[in-house]
C-alpha atoms as a PDB file:
ATOM      1  CA  MET A   1     -13.961   8.603  -8.331  1.00  0.00           C
ATOM      2  CA  GLN A   2     -11.782   6.888 -10.698  1.00  0.00           C
ATOM      3  CA  ARG A   3     -10.658   9.801 -12.520  1.00  0.00           C
ATOM      4  CA  LYS A   4      -9.328  11.400  -9.450  1.00  0.00           C
ATOM      5  CA  SER A   5      -6.978   8.731  -8.718  1.00  0.00           C
ATOM      6  CA  VAL A   6      -5.568   8.534 -12.395  1.00  0.00           C
ATOM      7  CA  ASN A   7      -5.031  12.270 -12.123  1.00  0.00           C
ATOM      8  CA  TRP A   8      -3.411  11.786  -8.605  1.00  0.00           C
ATOM      9  CA  LEU A   9      -1.021   9.231 -10.253  1.00  0.00           C
ATOM     10  CA  GLN A  10      -0.054  11.702 -12.807  1.00  0.00           C
ATOM     11  CA  LYS A  11       1.398  14.081 -10.509  1.00  0.00           C
ATOM     12  CA  LYS A  12       4.787  14.185  -8.864  1.00  0.00           C
ATOM     13  CA  ARG A  13       3.652  13.497  -5.429  1.00  0.00           C
ATOM     14  CA  GLY A  14       1.565  10.910  -6.142  1.00  0.00           C
ATOM     15  CA  LYS A  15       4.302   8.852  -8.131  1.00  0.00           C
ATOM     16  CA  LEU A  16       6.839   9.537  -5.179  1.00  0.00           C
ATOM     17  CA  THR A  17       3.961   8.048  -2.871  1.00  0.00           C
ATOM     18  CA  VAL A  18       3.584   4.925  -4.720  1.00  0.00           C
ATOM     19  CA  MET A  19       7.221   4.449  -5.232  1.00  0.00           C
ATOM     20  CA  LEU A  20       7.942   4.415  -1.322  1.00  0.00           C
ATOM     21  CA  ILE A  21       5.009   2.022  -0.688  1.00  0.00           C
ATOM     22  CA  CYS A  22       6.027  -0.151  -3.492  1.00  0.00           C
ATOM     23  CA  PHE A  23       9.857  -0.117  -1.864  1.00  0.00           C
ATOM     24  CA  GLY A  24       8.595  -0.213   1.544  1.00  0.00           C
ATOM     25  CA  LEU A  25       6.274  -3.467   0.796  1.00  0.00           C
ATOM     26  CA  ALA A  26       9.358  -4.830  -1.344  1.00  0.00           C
ATOM     27  CA  TYR A  27      11.586  -4.528   1.797  1.00  0.00           C
ATOM     28  CA  LEU A  28       8.695  -6.153   3.879  1.00  0.00           C
ATOM     29  CA  PHE A  29       8.589  -9.269   1.613  1.00  0.00           C
ATOM     30  CA  ALA A  30      12.192  -9.511   1.223  1.00  0.00           C
ATOM     31  CA  SER A  31      12.749  -9.833   4.993  1.00  0.00           C
ATOM     32  CA  LEU A  32       9.830 -12.300   5.087  1.00  0.00           C
ATOM     33  CA  SER A  33      11.386 -14.385   2.557  1.00  0.00           C
ATOM     34  CA  ILE A  34      14.711 -14.617   3.765  1.00  0.00           C
ATOM     35  CA  ASP A  35      13.401 -15.543   7.313  1.00  0.00           C
ATOM     36  CA  ARG A  36      10.740 -18.123   6.243  1.00  0.00           C
ATOM     37  CA  GLY A  37      12.179 -19.051   2.735  1.00  0.00           C
ATOM     38  CA  ASN A  38       8.987 -19.169   1.074  1.00  0.00           C
ATOM     39  CA  LEU A  39       8.926 -18.790  -2.536  1.00  0.00           C
ATOM     40  CA  TRP A  40       5.924 -16.613  -2.610  1.00  0.00           C
ATOM     41  CA  TYR A  41       7.461 -13.955  -0.841  1.00  0.00           C
ATOM     42  CA  TYR A  42      10.211 -14.045  -2.999  1.00  0.00           C
ATOM     43  CA  LEU A  43       7.798 -13.460  -6.341  1.00  0.00           C
ATOM     44  CA  LEU A  44       6.083 -10.697  -4.222  1.00  0.00           C
ATOM     45  CA  THR A  45       9.214  -8.921  -3.445  1.00  0.00           C
ATOM     46  CA  LEU A  46      10.259  -9.018  -6.909  1.00  0.00           C
ATOM     47  CA  ILE A  47       6.952  -7.531  -8.040  1.00  0.00           C
ATOM     48  CA  PHE A  48       6.907  -4.864  -5.754  1.00  0.00           C
ATOM     49  CA  LEU A  49      10.441  -4.055  -6.548  1.00  0.00           C
ATOM     50  CA  VAL A  50       9.806  -3.756 -10.176  1.00  0.00           C
ATOM     51  CA  TYR A  51       6.921  -1.400  -9.584  1.00  0.00           C
ATOM     52  CA  GLY A  52       8.690   0.903  -7.354  1.00  0.00           C
ATOM     53  CA  LEU A  53      11.670   1.046 -10.056  1.00  0.00           C
ATOM     54  CA  LYS A  54       9.023   1.757 -12.442  1.00  0.00           C
ATOM     55  CA  PHE A  55       7.406   4.497 -10.998  1.00  0.00           C
ATOM     56  CA  GLY A  56      11.036   5.655  -9.482  1.00  0.00           C
ATOM     57  CA  PHE A  57      12.156   5.848 -13.350  1.00  0.00           C
ATOM     58  CA  LYS A  58       9.160   7.881 -14.277  1.00  0.00           C
ATOM     59  CA  LEU A  59       9.280  10.142 -11.594  1.00  0.00           C
ATOM     60  CA  ILE A  60      13.188  11.008 -12.290  1.00  0.00           C
ATOM     61  CA  GLY A  61      12.172  11.175 -16.083  1.00  0.00           C
ATOM     62  CA  GLU A  62       9.544  13.755 -15.192  1.00  0.00           C
ATOM     63  CA  LEU A  63      12.111  15.721 -12.922  1.00  0.00           C
ATOM     64  CA  PHE A  64      14.662  15.935 -15.595  1.00  0.00           C
ATOM     65  CA  HIS A  65      12.264  16.939 -18.112  1.00  0.00           C
ATOM     66  CA  ALA A  66      11.090  19.755 -15.907  1.00  0.00           C
ATOM     67  CA  VAL A  67      14.563  20.878 -15.496  1.00  0.00           C
ATOM     68  CA  ARG A  68      15.315  20.952 -19.500  1.00  0.00           C
ATOM     69  CA  HIS A  69      12.253  23.069 -20.087  1.00  0.00           C
END
């Protein structure tokens, strides 16, 4: 089971899905942090934003690498 999920994350569709989920959660927690002023929501916003960017850069790098070859 774990091997299937690892293989799924190596594909472009898996990276895109995780990136969109992370950005969606970052948006949700950013809205909550602005509305309620809770520092934990700011921290969660930052964490999900960083992970979304991480998977986004991996996806962009993979797309550019595929174009070159």
